[in-house]
C-alpha atoms as a PDB file:
ATOM      1  CA  MET A   1       0.000   0.000   0.000  1.00  0.00           C
ATOM      2  CA  PRO A   2       1.824   3.102  -1.209  1.00  0.00           C
ATOM      3  CA  TYR A   3       0.053   5.561   1.144  1.00  0.00           C
ATOM      4  CA  SER A   4       0.148   3.484   4.327  1.00  0.00           C
ATOM      5  CA  LEU A   5       1.843   4.563   7.568  1.00  0.00           C
ATOM      6  CA  ARG A   6       2.140   0.953   8.752  1.00  0.00           C
ATOM      7  CA  ALA A   7       5.904   0.562   8.297  1.00  0.00           C
ATOM      8  CA  TRP A   8       6.562   4.016   9.807  1.00  0.00           C
ATOM      9  CA  VAL A   9       4.717   3.494  13.115  1.00  0.00           C
ATOM     10  CA  GLN A  10       6.530   2.220  16.197  1.00  0.00           C
ATOM     11  CA  LEU A  11       3.830   0.383  18.134  1.00  0.00           C
ATOM     12  CA  PRO A  12       3.957   0.129  21.926  1.00  0.00           C
ATOM     13  CA  SER A  13       4.313  -3.209  23.665  1.00  0.00           C
ATOM     14  CA  GLN A  14       1.313  -4.830  25.328  1.00  0.00           C
ATOM     15  CA  PHE A  15      -0.007  -3.152  28.441  1.00  0.00           C
ATOM     16  CA  THR A  16      -2.725  -3.752  31.014  1.00  0.00           C
ATOM     17  CA  LEU A  17      -5.260  -1.226  32.258  1.00  0.00           C
ATOM     18  CA  ALA A  18      -7.088  -1.523  35.547  1.00  0.00           C
ATOM     19  CA  ALA A  19     -10.823  -0.810  35.721  1.00  0.00           C
ATOM     20  CA  LYS A  20     -11.491   2.888  34.910  1.00  0.00           C
ATOM     21  CA  GLU A  21      -7.778   3.505  34.312  1.00  0.00           C
ATOM     22  CA  THR A  22      -6.636   5.703  31.427  1.00  0.00           C
ATOM     23  CA  LYS A  23      -3.295   5.797  29.707  1.00  0.00           C
ATOM     24  CA  THR A  24      -1.720   8.328  27.370  1.00  0.00           C
ATOM     25  CA  LEU A  25       0.468   6.806  24.680  1.00  0.00           C
ATOM     26  CA  SER A  26       3.070   8.467  22.508  1.00  0.00           C
ATOM     27  CA  ILE A  27       3.325   6.512  19.287  1.00  0.00           C
ATOM     28  CA  PRO A  28       6.209   7.742  17.115  1.00  0.00           C
ATOM     29  CA  ILE A  29       5.835   7.925  13.345  1.00  0.00           C
ATOM     30  CA  VAL A  30       9.331   7.738  11.846  1.00  0.00           C
ATOM     31  CA  VAL A  31       9.548   8.583   8.150  1.00  0.00           C
ATOM     32  CA  PRO A  32      12.457   6.731   6.514  1.00  0.00           C
ATOM     33  CA  ALA A  33      14.781   8.527   4.095  1.00  0.00           C
ATOM     34  CA  SER A  34      13.130   6.549   1.286  1.00  0.00           C
ATOM     35  CA  GLY A  35       9.621   7.602   2.396  1.00  0.00           C
ATOM     36  CA  GLU A  36       7.461   8.859  -0.437  1.00  0.00           C
ATOM     37  CA  PRO A  37       6.391  12.521  -0.094  1.00  0.00           C
ATOM     38  CA  GLY A  38       2.692  13.328   0.147  1.00  0.00           C
ATOM     39  CA  GLY A  39      -0.254  12.188   2.238  1.00  0.00           C
ATOM     40  CA  HIS A  40      -0.215   8.905   4.149  1.00  0.00           C
ATOM     41  CA  TYR A  41      -2.774   7.265   6.409  1.00  0.00           C
ATOM     42  CA  GLY A  42      -3.165   4.588   9.013  1.00  0.00           C
ATOM     43  CA  VAL A  43      -5.374   3.328  11.806  1.00  0.00           C
ATOM     44  CA  ILE A  44      -3.982   2.367  15.180  1.00  0.00           C
ATOM     45  CA  ARG A  45      -6.384  -0.152  16.688  1.00  0.00           C
ATOM     46  CA  PHE A  46      -6.366  -1.455  20.216  1.00  0.00           C
ATOM     47  CA  THR A  47      -8.182  -4.636  21.138  1.00  0.00           C
ATOM     48  CA  GLY A  48      -9.024  -5.632  24.649  1.00  0.00           C
ATOM     49  CA  ALA A  49      -8.960  -8.913  26.479  1.00  0.00           C
ATOM     50  CA  VAL A  50      -9.706  -9.663  30.102  1.00  0.00           C
ATOM     51  CA  PRO A  51      -6.520 -11.112  31.653  1.00  0.00           C
ATOM     52  CA  GLY A  52      -7.046 -14.624  33.005  1.00  0.00           C
ATOM     53  CA  ALA A  53     -10.770 -14.646  32.161  1.00  0.00           C
ATOM     54  CA  SER A  54     -12.599 -17.788  31.180  1.00  0.00           C
ATOM     55  CA  GLY A  55     -16.237 -18.303  30.374  1.00  0.00           C
ATOM     56  CA  SER A  56     -18.607 -15.467  29.549  1.00  0.00           C
ATOM     57  CA  VAL A  57     -17.259 -11.974  30.209  1.00  0.00           C
ATOM     58  CA  VAL A  58     -18.023  -8.498  28.904  1.00  0.00           C
ATOM     59  CA  SER A  59     -15.002  -6.561  27.671  1.00  0.00           C
ATOM     60  CA  LEU A  60     -13.907  -3.813  25.316  1.00  0.00           C
ATOM     61  CA  SER A  61     -13.738  -5.117  21.784  1.00  0.00           C
ATOM     62  CA  GLN A  62     -11.622  -2.355  20.242  1.00  0.00           C
ATOM     63  CA  ALA A  63     -10.698   1.295  20.139  1.00  0.00           C
ATOM     64  CA  SER A  64      -9.245   2.977  17.064  1.00  0.00           C
ATOM     65  CA  ASP A  65      -7.407   6.115  16.082  1.00  0.00           C
ATOM     66  CA  LEU A  66      -7.296   7.388  12.484  1.00  0.00           C
ATOM     67  CA  ASP A  67      -3.952   8.985  11.637  1.00  0.00           C
ATOM     68  CA  LEU A  68      -3.195  11.205   8.659  1.00  0.00           C
ATOM     69  CA  ALA A  69       0.320  12.472   7.969  1.00  0.00           C
ATOM     70  CA  THR A  70       2.055  14.489   5.283  1.00  0.00           C
ATOM     71  CA  SER A  71       5.621  13.631   4.364  1.00  0.00           C
ATOM     72  CA  PHE A  72       7.487  16.585   2.889  1.00  0.00           C
ATOM     73  CA  GLY A  73       9.403  16.462  -0.365  1.00  0.00           C
ATOM     74  CA  HIS A  74       8.932  17.240  -4.028  1.00  0.00           C
ATOM     75  CA  ILE A  75       5.400  16.383  -5.048  1.00  0.00           C
ATOM     76  CA  GLN A  76       3.048  17.725  -7.657  1.00  0.00           C
ATOM     77  CA  GLU A  77      -0.629  17.729  -6.722  1.00  0.00           C
ATOM     78  CA  ARG A  78      -3.198  18.553  -9.333  1.00  0.00           C
ATOM     79  CA  ALA A  79      -6.969  18.475  -9.494  1.00  0.00           C
ATOM     80  CA  SER A  80      -9.592  19.661 -11.897  1.00  0.00           C
ATOM     81  CA  LEU A  81     -13.354  19.842 -11.854  1.00  0.00           C
ATOM     82  CA  ASP A  82     -15.226  19.522 -15.104  1.00  0.00           C
ATOM     83  CA  ASP A  83     -18.711  19.981 -13.700  1.00  0.00           C
ATOM     84  CA  PHE A  84     -20.491  20.265 -10.386  1.00  0.00           C
ATOM     85  CA  TYR A  85     -24.240  20.273  -9.882  1.00  0.00           C
ATOM     86  CA  SER A  86     -27.115  18.584  -8.139  1.00  0.00           C
ATOM     87  CA  THR A  87     -30.259  17.410  -9.846  1.00  0.00           C
ATOM     88  CA  THR A  88     -33.969  17.919  -9.624  1.00  0.00           C
ATOM     89  CA  PRO A  89     -36.154  14.891  -8.831  1.00  0.00           C
ATOM     90  CA  GLN A  90     -36.461  14.421 -12.607  1.00  0.00           C
ATOM     91  CA  PHE A  91     -32.613  14.269 -12.825  1.00  0.00           C
ATOM     92  CA  ALA A  92     -32.221  17.565 -14.725  1.00  0.00           C
ATOM     93  CA  PRO A  93     -29.076  19.519 -13.746  1.00  0.00           C
ATOM     94  CA  LYS A  94     -29.848  22.548 -11.607  1.00  0.00           C
ATOM     95  CA  SER A  95     -27.576  25.065  -9.897  1.00  0.00           C
ATOM     96  CA  PHE A  96     -29.997  27.120  -7.769  1.00  0.00           C
ATOM     97  CA  PHE A  97     -32.168  25.731  -4.964  1.00  0.00           C
ATOM     98  CA  GLN A  98     -34.435  27.681  -2.622  1.00  0.00           C
ATOM     99  CA  ASN A  99     -35.220  24.802  -0.255  1.00  0.00           C
ATOM    100  CA  GLY A 100     -34.482  21.122   0.306  1.00  0.00           C
ATOM    101  CA  PRO A 101     -34.242  18.325   0.027  1.00  0.00           C
ATOM    102  CA  ILE A 102     -31.533  18.414  -2.633  1.00  0.00           C
ATOM    103  CA  ALA A 103     -31.010  15.183  -4.537  1.00  0.00           C
ATOM    104  CA  SER A 104     -27.459  13.967  -4.867  1.00  0.00           C
END
């Protein structure tokens, strides 16, 4: 995946939280010299398990964090828009609306 942060993230080792405990984590993102410039993304996901539990238990299934990063370097970004409009219920293009709903 060319835009992934996966190889750049240094994940923490396993840790245990007590009931109602919180923990702040610093998770370094280290861009290698060969890292491609531009936007990159990743999700850091934590899953929970009850230590030493057996049988039926209720526990946290997961928590996630979406990370977006920009790596600097020479990059050319370009975009163009040929047309932009919404439509009437009969699917005719229209650019002025006084009230909703507006079809997409």
